[in-house]
PDB file of N, CA and C in Angstrom:
ATOM      1  N   MET A   1     120.343  89.101  88.161  1.00  0.00           N
ATOM      2  CA  MET A   1     120.345  88.784  89.576  1.00  0.00           C
ATOM      3  C   MET A   1     118.910  88.856  90.102  1.00  0.00           C
ATOM      4  N   ARG A   2     118.539  87.851  90.852  1.00  0.00           N
ATOM      5  CA  ARG A   2     117.215  87.819  91.477  1.00  0.00           C
ATOM      6  C   ARG A   2     117.329  88.405  92.876  1.00  0.00           C
ATOM      7  N   ILE A   3     116.455  89.316  93.213  1.00  0.00           N
ATOM      8  CA  ILE A   3     116.453  89.921  94.544  1.00  0.00           C
ATOM      9  C   ILE A   3     115.346  89.253  95.358  1.00  0.00           C
ATOM     10  N   ALA A   4     115.702  88.810  96.549  1.00  0.00           N
ATOM     11  CA  ALA A   4     114.778  88.073  97.406  1.00  0.00           C
ATOM     12  C   ALA A   4     113.536  88.894  97.721  1.00  0.00           C
ATOM     13  N   LYS A   5     112.406  88.189  97.816  1.00  0.00           N
ATOM     14  CA  LYS A   5     111.130  88.845  98.107  1.00  0.00           C
ATOM     15  C   LYS A   5     111.176  89.644  99.403  1.00  0.00           C
ATOM     16  N   ASP A   6     111.885  89.125 100.402  1.00  0.00           N
ATOM     17  CA  ASP A   6     111.986  89.829 101.684  1.00  0.00           C
ATOM     18  C   ASP A   6     112.625  91.206 101.508  1.00  0.00           C
ATOM     19  N   LEU A   7     113.674  91.276 100.698  1.00  0.00           N
ATOM     20  CA  LEU A   7     114.335  92.560 100.453  1.00  0.00           C
ATOM     21  C   LEU A   7     113.445  93.494  99.646  1.00  0.00           C
ATOM     22  N   VAL A   8     112.742  92.947  98.677  1.00  0.00           N
ATOM     23  CA  VAL A   8     111.820  93.762  97.884  1.00  0.00           C
ATOM     24  C   VAL A   8     110.747  94.344  98.781  1.00  0.00           C
ATOM     25  N   ALA A   9     110.168  93.513  99.633  1.00  0.00           N
ATOM     26  CA  ALA A   9     109.110  93.978 100.536  1.00  0.00           C
ATOM     27  C   ALA A   9     109.636  95.037 101.500  1.00  0.00           C
ATOM     28  N   ALA A  10     110.812  94.796 102.070  1.00  0.00           N
ATOM     29  CA  ALA A  10     111.369  95.738 103.049  1.00  0.00           C
ATOM     30  C   ALA A  10     111.712  97.087 102.429  1.00  0.00           C
ATOM     31  N   SER A  11     112.099  97.073 101.169  1.00  0.00           N
ATOM     32  CA  SER A  11     112.523  98.323 100.519  1.00  0.00           C
ATOM     33  C   SER A  11     111.401  99.037  99.781  1.00  0.00           C
ATOM     34  N   SER A  12     110.234  98.439  99.693  1.00  0.00           N
ATOM     35  CA  SER A  12     109.172  99.008  98.870  1.00  0.00           C
ATOM     36  C   SER A  12     108.680 100.372  99.360  1.00  0.00           C
ATOM     37  N   THR A  13     108.474 100.517 100.652  1.00  0.00           N
ATOM     38  CA  THR A  13     107.986 101.801 101.179  1.00  0.00           C
ATOM     39  C   THR A  13     108.978 102.929 100.934  1.00  0.00           C
ATOM     40  N   PRO A  14     110.257 102.780 101.324  1.00  0.00           N
ATOM     41  CA  PRO A  14     111.172 103.895 101.064  1.00  0.00           C
ATOM     42  C   PRO A  14     111.381 104.175  99.577  1.00  0.00           C
ATOM     43  N   LEU A  15     111.315 103.146  98.747  1.00  0.00           N
ATOM     44  CA  LEU A  15     111.463 103.385  97.305  1.00  0.00           C
ATOM     45  C   LEU A  15     110.322 104.257  96.771  1.00  0.00           C
ATOM     46  N   VAL A  16     109.105 103.887  97.100  1.00  0.00           N
ATOM     47  CA  VAL A  16     107.945 104.639  96.591  1.00  0.00           C
ATOM     48  C   VAL A  16     107.895 106.039  97.199  1.00  0.00           C
ATOM     49  N   LEU A  17     108.115 106.138  98.504  1.00  0.00           N
ATOM     50  CA  LEU A  17     108.103 107.467  99.122  1.00  0.00           C
ATOM     51  C   LEU A  17     109.212 108.344  98.548  1.00  0.00           C
ATOM     52  N   GLY A  18     110.381 107.756  98.285  1.00  0.00           N
ATOM     53  CA  GLY A  18     111.480 108.513  97.694  1.00  0.00           C
ATOM     54  C   GLY A  18     111.152 109.037  96.309  1.00  0.00           C
ATOM     55  N   ILE A  19     110.511 108.218  95.498  1.00  0.00           N
ATOM     56  CA  ILE A  19     110.104 108.657  94.157  1.00  0.00           C
ATOM     57  C   ILE A  19     109.073 109.774  94.261  1.00  0.00           C
ATOM     58  N   LEU A  20     108.102 109.596  95.147  1.00  0.00           N
ATOM     59  CA  LEU A  20     107.049 110.609  95.285  1.00  0.00           C
ATOM     60  C   LEU A  20     107.551 111.876  95.965  1.00  0.00           C
ATOM     61  N   ALA A  21     108.664 111.792  96.692  1.00  0.00           N
ATOM     62  CA  ALA A  21     109.249 112.999  97.298  1.00  0.00           C
ATOM     63  C   ALA A  21     109.834 113.903  96.217  1.00  0.00           C
ATOM     64  N   GLU A  22     110.215 113.309  95.091  1.00  0.00           N
ATOM     65  CA  GLU A  22     110.749 114.090  93.974  1.00  0.00           C
ATOM     66  C   GLU A  22     109.633 114.771  93.192  1.00  0.00           C
ATOM     67  N   GLU A  23     108.571 114.007  92.926  1.00  0.00           N
ATOM     68  CA  GLU A  23     107.409 114.563  92.219  1.00  0.00           C
ATOM     69  C   GLU A  23     106.248 113.581  92.285  1.00  0.00           C
ATOM     70  N   GLU A  24     105.045 114.104  92.147  1.00  0.00           N
ATOM     71  CA  GLU A  24     103.888 113.216  92.151  1.00  0.00           C
ATOM     72  C   GLU A  24     103.925 112.357  90.891  1.00  0.00           C
ATOM     73  N   SER A  25     103.244 111.211  90.971  1.00  0.00           N
ATOM     74  CA  SER A  25     103.296 110.293  89.847  1.00  0.00           C
ATOM     75  C   SER A  25     102.092 109.365  89.890  1.00  0.00           C
ATOM     76  N   TYR A  26     101.965 108.531  88.872  1.00  0.00           N
ATOM     77  CA  TYR A  26     100.886 107.547  88.810  1.00  0.00           C
ATOM     78  C   TYR A  26     101.501 106.156  88.718  1.00  0.00           C
ATOM     79  N   GLY A  27     100.686 105.138  88.909  1.00  0.00           N
ATOM     80  CA  GLY A  27     101.155 103.767  89.051  1.00  0.00           C
ATOM     81  C   GLY A  27     102.152 103.285  88.017  1.00  0.00           C
ATOM     82  N   TYR A  28     101.778 103.330  86.744  1.00  0.00           N
ATOM     83  CA  TYR A  28     102.665 102.809  85.704  1.00  0.00           C
ATOM     84  C   TYR A  28     103.991 103.549  85.695  1.00  0.00           C
ATOM     85  N   ALA A  29     103.963 104.860  85.889  1.00  0.00           N
ATOM     86  CA  ALA A  29     105.197 105.650  85.892  1.00  0.00           C
ATOM     87  C   ALA A  29     106.079 105.280  87.086  1.00  0.00           C
ATOM     88  N   ILE A  30     105.476 104.960  88.226  1.00  0.00           N
ATOM     89  CA  ILE A  30     106.241 104.535  89.395  1.00  0.00           C
ATOM     90  C   ILE A  30     106.926 103.196  89.107  1.00  0.00           C
ATOM     91  N   LEU A  31     106.189 102.259  88.519  1.00  0.00           N
ATOM     92  CA  LEU A  31     106.774 100.963  88.156  1.00  0.00           C
ATOM     93  C   LEU A  31     107.960 101.147  87.217  1.00  0.00           C
ATOM     94  N   LYS A  32     107.801 102.002  86.235  1.00  0.00           N
ATOM     95  CA  LYS A  32     108.861 102.258  85.258  1.00  0.00           C
ATOM     96  C   LYS A  32     110.079 102.900  85.930  1.00  0.00           C
ATOM     97  N   GLU A  33     109.839 103.826  86.822  1.00  0.00           N
ATOM     98  CA  GLU A  33     110.920 104.521  87.533  1.00  0.00           C
ATOM     99  C   GLU A  33     111.721 103.544  88.397  1.00  0.00           C
ATOM    100  N   ILE A  34     111.038 102.657  89.085  1.00  0.00           N
ATOM    101  CA  ILE A  34     111.719 101.663  89.925  1.00  0.00           C
ATOM    102  C   ILE A  34     112.584 100.750  89.063  1.00  0.00           C
ATOM    103  N   SER A  35     112.051 100.316  87.944  1.00  0.00           N
ATOM    104  CA  SER A  35     112.822  99.471  87.042  1.00  0.00           C
ATOM    105  C   SER A  35     114.053 100.196  86.513  1.00  0.00           C
ATOM    106  N   GLU A  36     113.872 101.432  86.079  1.00  0.00           N
ATOM    107  CA  GLU A  36     114.990 102.202  85.528  1.00  0.00           C
ATOM    108  C   GLU A  36     116.058 102.467  86.583  1.00  0.00           C
ATOM    109  N   ARG A  37     115.643 102.876  87.781  1.00  0.00           N
ATOM    110  CA  ARG A  37     116.609 103.223  88.823  1.00  0.00           C
ATOM    111  C   ARG A  37     117.369 102.016  89.349  1.00  0.00           C
ATOM    112  N   SER A  38     116.781 100.843  89.193  1.00  0.00           N
ATOM    113  CA  SER A  38     117.457  99.633  89.661  1.00  0.00           C
ATOM    114  C   SER A  38     118.207  98.943  88.526  1.00  0.00           C
ATOM    115  N   GLY A  39     118.275  99.570  87.383  1.00  0.00           N
ATOM    116  CA  GLY A  39     118.948  98.943  86.252  1.00  0.00           C
ATOM    117  C   GLY A  39     118.230  97.681  85.799  1.00  0.00           C
ATOM    118  N   GLY A  40     116.914  97.632  86.018  1.00  0.00           N
ATOM    119  CA  GLY A  40     116.115  96.477  85.623  1.00  0.00           C
ATOM    120  C   GLY A  40     116.140  95.331  86.625  1.00  0.00           C
ATOM    121  N   ARG A  41     116.857  95.485  87.729  1.00  0.00           N
ATOM    122  CA  ARG A  41     116.935  94.409  88.722  1.00  0.00           C
ATOM    123  C   ARG A  41     115.663  94.294  89.561  1.00  0.00           C
ATOM    124  N   LEU A  42     114.924  95.385  89.685  1.00  0.00           N
ATOM    125  CA  LEU A  42     113.646  95.352  90.403  1.00  0.00           C
ATOM    126  C   LEU A  42     112.526  95.506  89.380  1.00  0.00           C
ATOM    127  N   GLU A  43     111.857  94.436  89.103  1.00  0.00           N
ATOM    128  CA  GLU A  43     110.730  94.441  88.180  1.00  0.00           C
ATOM    129  C   GLU A  43     109.465  94.161  88.970  1.00  0.00           C
ATOM    130  N   TRP A  44     108.849  95.227  89.457  1.00  0.00           N
ATOM    131  CA  TRP A  44     107.642  95.074  90.256  1.00  0.00           C
ATOM    132  C   TRP A  44     106.438  94.847  89.352  1.00  0.00           C
ATOM    133  N   THR A  45     105.437  94.210  89.920  1.00  0.00           N
ATOM    134  CA  THR A  45     104.171  94.030  89.224  1.00  0.00           C
ATOM    135  C   THR A  45     103.139  94.985  89.813  1.00  0.00           C
ATOM    136  N   GLU A  46     102.037  95.133  89.110  1.00  0.00           N
ATOM    137  CA  GLU A  46     100.938  95.942  89.637  1.00  0.00           C
ATOM    138  C   GLU A  46     100.412  95.329  90.933  1.00  0.00           C
ATOM    139  N   GLY A  47     100.482  94.000  91.032  1.00  0.00           N
ATOM    140  CA  GLY A  47     100.018  93.298  92.215  1.00  0.00           C
ATOM    141  C   GLY A  47     100.833  93.615  93.461  1.00  0.00           C
ATOM    142  N   LEU A  48     102.056  94.068  93.282  1.00  0.00           N
ATOM    143  CA  LEU A  48     102.870  94.496  94.411  1.00  0.00           C
ATOM    144  C   LEU A  48     102.656  95.982  94.686  1.00  0.00           C
ATOM    145  N   LEU A  49     102.605  96.783  93.624  1.00  0.00           N
ATOM    146  CA  LEU A  49     102.554  98.234  93.787  1.00  0.00           C
ATOM    147  C   LEU A  49     101.218  98.748  94.330  1.00  0.00           C
ATOM    148  N   TYR A  50     100.111  98.343  93.742  1.00  0.00           N
ATOM    149  CA  TYR A  50      98.838  98.966  94.123  1.00  0.00           C
ATOM    150  C   TYR A  50      98.409  98.681  95.559  1.00  0.00           C
ATOM    151  N   PRO A  51      98.588  97.478  96.083  1.00  0.00           N
ATOM    152  CA  PRO A  51      98.298  97.300  97.521  1.00  0.00           C
ATOM    153  C   PRO A  51      99.195  98.186  98.397  1.00  0.00           C
ATOM    154  N   LEU A  52     100.451  98.357  97.992  1.00  0.00           N
ATOM    155  CA  LEU A  52     101.356  99.230  98.736  1.00  0.00           C
ATOM    156  C   LEU A  52     100.865 100.673  98.682  1.00  0.00           C
ATOM    157  N   LEU A  53     100.481 101.158  97.512  1.00  0.00           N
ATOM    158  CA  LEU A  53      99.963 102.525  97.393  1.00  0.00           C
ATOM    159  C   LEU A  53      98.718 102.714  98.255  1.00  0.00           C
ATOM    160  N   HIS A  54      97.831 101.734  98.261  1.00  0.00           N
ATOM    161  CA  HIS A  54      96.613 101.835  99.080  1.00  0.00           C
ATOM    162  C   HIS A  54      96.965 101.870 100.565  1.00  0.00           C
ATOM    163  N   ARG A  55      97.946 101.050 100.980  1.00  0.00           N
ATOM    164  CA  ARG A  55      98.369 101.051 102.382  1.00  0.00           C
ATOM    165  C   ARG A  55      99.000 102.386 102.754  1.00  0.00           C
ATOM    166  N   LEU A  56      99.856 102.917 101.887  1.00  0.00           N
ATOM    167  CA  LEU A  56     100.497 104.206 102.165  1.00  0.00           C
ATOM    168  C   LEU A  56      99.470 105.329 102.239  1.00  0.00           C
ATOM    169  N   GLU A  57      98.433 105.214 101.450  1.00  0.00           N
ATOM    170  CA  GLU A  57      97.364 106.216 101.500  1.00  0.00           C
ATOM    171  C   GLU A  57      96.565 106.096 102.801  1.00  0.00           C
ATOM    172  N   ARG A  58      96.263 104.861 103.216  1.00  0.00           N
ATOM    173  CA  ARG A  58      95.526 104.650 104.477  1.00  0.00           C
ATOM    174  C   ARG A  58      96.309 105.169 105.677  1.00  0.00           C
ATOM    175  N   THR A  59      97.640 105.027 105.635  1.00  0.00           N
ATOM    176  CA  THR A  59      98.463 105.481 106.759  1.00  0.00           C
ATOM    177  C   THR A  59      98.711 106.981 106.719  1.00  0.00           C
ATOM    178  N   GLY A  60      98.305 107.644 105.647  1.00  0.00           N
ATOM    179  CA  GLY A  60      98.458 109.090 105.547  1.00  0.00           C
ATOM    180  C   GLY A  60      99.795 109.543 104.991  1.00  0.00           C
ATOM    181  N   TYR A  61     100.597 108.606 104.460  1.00  0.00           N
ATOM    182  CA  TYR A  61     101.901 108.961 103.912  1.00  0.00           C
ATOM    183  C   TYR A  61     101.811 109.535 102.497  1.00  0.00           C
ATOM    184  N   ILE A  62     100.758 109.162 101.796  1.00  0.00           N
ATOM    185  CA  ILE A  62     100.528 109.718 100.454  1.00  0.00           C
ATOM    186  C   ILE A  62      99.055 110.060 100.312  1.00  0.00           C
ATOM    187  N   GLU A  63      98.745 110.864  99.303  1.00  0.00           N
ATOM    188  CA  GLU A  63      97.348 111.155  98.957  1.00  0.00           C
ATOM    189  C   GLU A  63      97.216 111.040  97.446  1.00  0.00           C
ATOM    190  N   SER A  64      96.003 110.862  96.995  1.00  0.00           N
ATOM    191  CA  SER A  64      95.796 110.667  95.561  1.00  0.00           C
ATOM    192  C   SER A  64      94.688 111.562  95.031  1.00  0.00           C
ATOM    193  N   THR A  65      94.797 111.842  93.744  1.00  0.00           N
ATOM    194  CA  THR A  65      93.756 112.581  93.033  1.00  0.00           C
ATOM    195  C   THR A  65      93.635 112.002  91.629  1.00  0.00           C
ATOM    196  N   TRP A  66      92.408 111.953  91.152  1.00  0.00           N
ATOM    197  CA  TRP A  66      92.174 111.501  89.781  1.00  0.00           C
ATOM    198  C   TRP A  66      92.316 112.697  88.851  1.00  0.00           C
ATOM    199  N   ARG A  67      93.016 112.499  87.747  1.00  0.00           N
ATOM    200  CA  ARG A  67      93.175 113.551  86.737  1.00  0.00           C
ATOM    201  C   ARG A  67      93.139 112.948  85.348  1.00  0.00           C
ATOM    202  N   THR A  68      92.719 113.767  84.420  1.00  0.00           N
ATOM    203  CA  THR A  68      92.760 113.385  83.018  1.00  0.00           C
ATOM    204  C   THR A  68      93.631 114.394  82.286  1.00  0.00           C
ATOM    205  N   PRO A  69      94.869 114.008  81.959  1.00  0.00           N
ATOM    206  CA  PRO A  69      95.730 114.940  81.219  1.00  0.00           C
ATOM    207  C   PRO A  69      95.125 115.242  79.845  1.00  0.00           C
ATOM    208  N   GLU A  70      95.426 116.398  79.327  1.00  0.00           N
ATOM    209  CA  GLU A  70      94.905 116.776  78.018  1.00  0.00           C
ATOM    210  C   GLU A  70      95.320 115.745  76.976  1.00  0.00           C
ATOM    211  N   GLY A  71      94.333 115.195  76.310  1.00  0.00           N
ATOM    212  CA  GLY A  71      94.590 114.185  75.289  1.00  0.00           C
ATOM    213  C   GLY A  71      94.931 112.816  75.838  1.00  0.00           C
ATOM    214  N   GLY A  72      94.851 112.656  77.153  1.00  0.00           N
ATOM    215  CA  GLY A  72      95.212 111.377  77.771  1.00  0.00           C
ATOM    216  C   GLY A  72      94.023 110.720  78.434  1.00  0.00           C
ATOM    217  N   ARG A  73      94.301 109.647  79.119  1.00  0.00           N
ATOM    218  CA  ARG A  73      93.225 108.959  79.832  1.00  0.00           C
ATOM    219  C   ARG A  73      93.309 109.269  81.320  1.00  0.00           C
ATOM    220  N   ARG A  74      92.236 109.039  81.992  1.00  0.00           N
ATOM    221  CA  ARG A  74      92.133 109.337  83.427  1.00  0.00           C
ATOM    222  C   ARG A  74      93.099 108.459  84.219  1.00  0.00           C
ATOM    223  N   ARG A  75      93.864 109.108  85.127  1.00  0.00           N
ATOM    224  CA  ARG A  75      94.840 108.395  85.946  1.00  0.00           C
ATOM    225  C   ARG A  75      94.760 108.889  87.386  1.00  0.00           C
ATOM    226  N   LYS A  76      95.131 108.000  88.284  1.00  0.00           N
ATOM    227  CA  LYS A  76      95.190 108.362  89.693  1.00  0.00           C
ATOM    228  C   LYS A  76      96.635 108.757  89.995  1.00  0.00           C
ATOM    229  N   TYR A  77      96.822 110.006  90.404  1.00  0.00           N
ATOM    230  CA  TYR A  77      98.146 110.520  90.732  1.00  0.00           C
ATOM    231  C   TYR A  77      98.341 110.484  92.240  1.00  0.00           C
ATOM    232  N   TYR A  78      99.557 110.137  92.645  1.00  0.00           N
ATOM    233  CA  TYR A  78      99.906 110.027  94.052  1.00  0.00           C
ATOM    234  C   TYR A  78     100.938 111.083  94.400  1.00  0.00           C
ATOM    235  N   ALA A  79     100.788 111.666  95.596  1.00  0.00           N
ATOM    236  CA  ALA A  79     101.725 112.681  96.086  1.00  0.00           C
ATOM    237  C   ALA A  79     102.044 112.376  97.546  1.00  0.00           C
ATOM    238  N   ILE A  80     103.270 112.644  97.931  1.00  0.00           N
ATOM    239  CA  ILE A  80     103.680 112.416  99.314  1.00  0.00           C
ATOM    240  C   ILE A  80     103.122 113.540 100.197  1.00  0.00           C
ATOM    241  N   THR A  81     102.773 113.195 101.427  1.00  0.00           N
ATOM    242  CA  THR A  81     102.279 114.172 102.394  1.00  0.00           C
ATOM    243  C   THR A  81     103.423 114.563 103.336  1.00  0.00           C
ATOM    244  N   ASP A  82     103.172 115.535 104.197  1.00  0.00           N
ATOM    245  CA  ASP A  82     104.183 115.904 105.194  1.00  0.00           C
ATOM    246  C   ASP A  82     104.493 114.721 106.106  1.00  0.00           C
ATOM    247  N   GLU A  83     103.461 113.975 106.478  1.00  0.00           N
ATOM    248  CA  GLU A  83     103.670 112.783 107.300  1.00  0.00           C
ATOM    249  C   GLU A  83     104.513 111.748 106.552  1.00  0.00           C
ATOM    250  N   GLY A  84     104.281 111.640 105.246  1.00  0.00           N
ATOM    251  CA  GLY A  84     105.073 110.735 104.417  1.00  0.00           C
ATOM    252  C   GLY A  84     106.530 111.156 104.341  1.00  0.00           C
ATOM    253  N   ARG A  85     106.778 112.463 104.299  1.00  0.00           N
ATOM    254  CA  ARG A  85     108.170 112.964 104.288  1.00  0.00           C
ATOM    255  C   ARG A  85     108.870 112.634 105.612  1.00  0.00           C
ATOM    256  N   ARG A  86     108.134 112.730 106.712  1.00  0.00           N
ATOM    257  CA  ARG A  86     108.715 112.365 108.010  1.00  0.00           C
ATOM    258  C   ARG A  86     109.034 110.859 108.047  1.00  0.00           C
ATOM    259  N   GLU A  87     108.123 110.054 107.516  1.00  0.00           N
ATOM    260  CA  GLU A  87     108.348 108.606 107.476  1.00  0.00           C
ATOM    261  C   GLU A  87     109.533 108.279 106.567  1.00  0.00           C
ATOM    262  N   LEU A  88     109.662 108.968 105.446  1.00  0.00           N
ATOM    263  CA  LEU A  88     110.795 108.745 104.549  1.00  0.00           C
ATOM    264  C   LEU A  88     112.108 109.070 105.258  1.00  0.00           C
ATOM    265  N   ALA A  89     112.142 110.153 106.023  1.00  0.00           N
ATOM    266  CA  ALA A  89     113.347 110.505 106.782  1.00  0.00           C
ATOM    267  C   ALA A  89     113.686 109.404 107.789  1.00  0.00           C
ATOM    268  N   GLU A  90     112.674 108.857 108.455  1.00  0.00           N
ATOM    269  CA  GLU A  90     112.894 107.771 109.407  1.00  0.00           C
ATOM    270  C   GLU A  90     113.384 106.513 108.694  1.00  0.00           C
ATOM    271  N   GLN A  91     112.791 106.208 107.554  1.00  0.00           N
ATOM    272  CA  GLN A  91     113.227 105.045 106.774  1.00  0.00           C
ATOM    273  C   GLN A  91     114.687 105.204 106.341  1.00  0.00           C
ATOM    274  N   ARG A  92     115.073 106.415 105.955  1.00  0.00           N
ATOM    275  CA  ARG A  92     116.471 106.666 105.570  1.00  0.00           C
ATOM    276  C   ARG A  92     117.407 106.387 106.740  1.00  0.00           C
ATOM    277  N   ARG A  93     117.051 106.843 107.927  1.00  0.00           N
ATOM    278  CA  ARG A  93     117.888 106.598 109.112  1.00  0.00           C
ATOM    279  C   ARG A  93     118.028 105.094 109.367  1.00  0.00           C
ATOM    280  N   GLN A  94     116.914 104.385 109.267  1.00  0.00           N
ATOM    281  CA  GLN A  94     116.948 102.942 109.522  1.00  0.00           C
ATOM    282  C   GLN A  94     117.784 102.208 108.476  1.00  0.00           C
ATOM    283  N   TRP A  95     117.583 102.544 107.207  1.00  0.00           N
ATOM    284  CA  TRP A  95     118.346 101.883 106.139  1.00  0.00           C
ATOM    285  C   TRP A  95     119.834 102.213 106.245  1.00  0.00           C
ATOM    286  N   ALA A  96     120.168 103.426 106.653  1.00  0.00           N
ATOM    287  CA  ALA A  96     121.579 103.794 106.827  1.00  0.00           C
ATOM    288  C   ALA A  96     122.211 102.935 107.922  1.00  0.00           C
ATOM    289  N   ALA A  97     121.487 102.705 109.011  1.00  0.00           N
ATOM    290  CA  ALA A  97     122.006 101.879 110.100  1.00  0.00           C
ATOM    291  C   ALA A  97     122.219 100.439 109.637  1.00  0.00           C
ATOM    292  N   VAL A  98     121.259  99.901 108.907  1.00  0.00           N
ATOM    293  CA  VAL A  98     121.383  98.532 108.392  1.00  0.00           C
ATOM    294  C   VAL A  98     122.550  98.445 107.411  1.00  0.00           C
ATOM    295  N   SER A  99     122.647  99.403 106.525  1.00  0.00           N
ATOM    296  CA  SER A  99     123.716  99.419 105.527  1.00  0.00           C
ATOM    297  C   SER A  99     125.092  99.494 106.187  1.00  0.00           C
ATOM    298  N   GLU A 100     125.223 100.351 107.196  1.00  0.00           N
ATOM    299  CA  GLU A 100     126.491 100.454 107.932  1.00  0.00           C
ATOM    300  C   GLU A 100     126.867  99.133 108.580  1.00  0.00           C
ATOM    301  N   ALA A 101     125.907  98.497 109.224  1.00  0.00           N
ATOM    302  CA  ALA A 101     126.176  97.221 109.893  1.00  0.00           C
ATOM    303  C   ALA A 101     126.620  96.172 108.880  1.00  0.00           C
ATOM    304  N   LEU A 102     125.935  96.104 107.749  1.00  0.00           N
ATOM    305  CA  LEU A 102     126.316  95.142 106.712  1.00  0.00           C
ATOM    306  C   LEU A 102     127.712  95.424 106.174  1.00  0.00           C
ATOM    307  N   GLN A 103     128.013  96.689 105.918  1.00  0.00           N
ATOM    308  CA  GLN A 103     129.343  97.043 105.413  1.00  0.00           C
ATOM    309  C   GLN A 103     130.427  96.643 106.407  1.00  0.00           C
ATOM    310  N   ASP A 104     130.195  96.888 107.697  1.00  0.00           N
ATOM    311  CA  ASP A 104     131.167  96.506 108.716  1.00  0.00           C
ATOM    312  C   ASP A 104     131.385  94.993 108.738  1.00  0.00           C
ATOM    313  N   ILE A 105     130.295  94.250 108.684  1.00  0.00           N
ATOM    314  CA  ILE A 105     130.386  92.787 108.712  1.00  0.00           C
ATOM    315  C   ILE A 105     131.094  92.277 107.468  1.00  0.00           C
ATOM    316  N   TRP A 106     130.721  92.793 106.311  1.00  0.00           N
ATOM    317  CA  TRP A 106     131.341  92.329 105.070  1.00  0.00           C
ATOM    318  C   TRP A 106     132.818  92.704 105.005  1.00  0.00           C
ATOM    319  N   LYS A 107     133.166  93.876 105.520  1.00  0.00           N
ATOM    320  CA  LYS A 107     134.562  94.300 105.538  1.00  0.00           C
ATOM    321  C   LYS A 107     135.375  93.340 106.403  1.00  0.00           C
ATOM    322  N   ALA A 108     134.847  92.990 107.574  1.00  0.00           N
ATOM    323  CA  ALA A 108     135.535  92.065 108.466  1.00  0.00           C
ATOM    324  C   ALA A 108     135.653  90.687 107.830  1.00  0.00           C
ATOM    325  N   THR A 109     134.622  90.259 107.169  1.00  0.00           N
ATOM    326  CA  THR A 109     134.626  88.951 106.521  1.00  0.00           C
ATOM    327  C   THR A 109     135.632  88.921 105.373  1.00  0.00           C
ATOM    328  N   ARG A 110     135.717  90.000 104.633  1.00  0.00           N
ATOM    329  CA  ARG A 110     136.613  90.093 103.485  1.00  0.00           C
ATOM    330  C   ARG A 110     138.071  90.046 103.935  1.00  0.00           C
ATOM    331  N   SER A 111     138.373  90.655 105.086  1.00  0.00           N
ATOM    332  CA  SER A 111     139.757  90.742 105.538  1.00  0.00           C
ATOM    333  C   SER A 111     140.180  89.529 106.350  1.00  0.00           C
ATOM    334  N   ALA A 112     139.233  88.702 106.730  1.00  0.00           N
ATOM    335  CA  ALA A 112     139.577  87.513 107.518  1.00  0.00           C
ATOM    336  C   ALA A 112     140.358  86.532 106.646  1.00  0.00           C
ATOM    337  N   THR A 113     141.396  85.948 107.222  1.00  0.00           N
ATOM    338  CA  THR A 113     142.195  84.971 106.505  1.00  0.00           C
ATOM    339  C   THR A 113     141.471  83.632 106.536  1.00  0.00           C
ATOM    340  N   PRO A 114     141.319  83.005 105.376  1.00  0.00           N
ATOM    341  CA  PRO A 114     140.656  81.702 105.377  1.00  0.00           C
ATOM    342  C   PRO A 114     141.462  80.692 106.193  1.00  0.00           C
ATOM    343  N   ILE A 115     140.757  79.828 106.842  1.00  0.00           N
ATOM    344  CA  ILE A 115     141.410  78.793 107.651  1.00  0.00           C
ATOM    345  C   ILE A 115     141.864  77.686 106.713  1.00  0.00           C
ATOM    346  N   ALA A 116     143.141  77.353 106.797  1.00  0.00           N
ATOM    347  CA  ALA A 116     143.686  76.309 105.942  1.00  0.00           C
ATOM    348  C   ALA A 116     143.274  74.939 106.468  1.00  0.00           C
ATOM    349  N   ALA A 117     143.065  74.033 105.545  1.00  0.00           N
ATOM    350  CA  ALA A 117     142.722  72.659 105.939  1.00  0.00           C
ATOM    351  C   ALA A 117     143.971  71.998 106.538  1.00  0.00           C
ATOM    352  N   PRO A 118     143.799  71.211 107.575  1.00  0.00           N
ATOM    353  CA  PRO A 118     144.963  70.559 108.176  1.00  0.00           C
ATOM    354  C   PRO A 118     145.621  69.587 107.191  1.00  0.00           C
ATOM    355  N   VAL A 119     146.917  69.516 107.297  1.00  0.00           N
ATOM    356  CA  VAL A 119     147.658  68.596 106.449  1.00  0.00           C
ATOM    357  C   VAL A 119     147.740  67.262 107.170  1.00  0.00           C
ATOM    358  N   LEU A 120     147.296  66.238 106.519  1.00  0.00           N
ATOM    359  CA  LEU A 120     147.327  64.894 107.109  1.00  0.00           C
ATOM    360  C   LEU A 120     148.561  64.155 106.613  1.00  0.00           C
ATOM    361  N   GLU A 121     149.320  63.642 107.524  1.00  0.00           N
ATOM    362  CA  GLU A 121     150.499  62.864 107.144  1.00  0.00           C
ATOM    363  C   GLU A 121     150.161  61.393 107.256  1.00  0.00           C
ATOM    364  N   GLY A 122     150.673  60.629 106.401  1.00  0.00           N
ATOM    365  CA  GLY A 122     150.303  59.239 106.489  1.00  0.00           C
ATOM    366  C   GLY A 122     151.261  58.259 106.080  1.00  0.00           C
TER     367      GLY A 122
END
């Protein structure tokens, strides 16, 4: 299933903040986590993730530090800030409202009886 770019863009901030609320991480690991959690339906590229991380850092929702794990290569790790946790809580409220509205609409649509085509006599 292909997920529309608009939905990917709208969900990108809460997805990344949600992952970072669990633990700090670095770019490749975030991409892998998003893919795994979506069952492979969300396959983000670095071109989508890194501009988002830079924007979240500029807004103060996340912060970064460079580290070199023992025996590894230097990586930039991202962590959510208190302001980012507040934004994540707000995003959750907004997504819950949207989800509720969609469920109500779909439930009504599902229960509606299809209109039968008129019978033409001739």
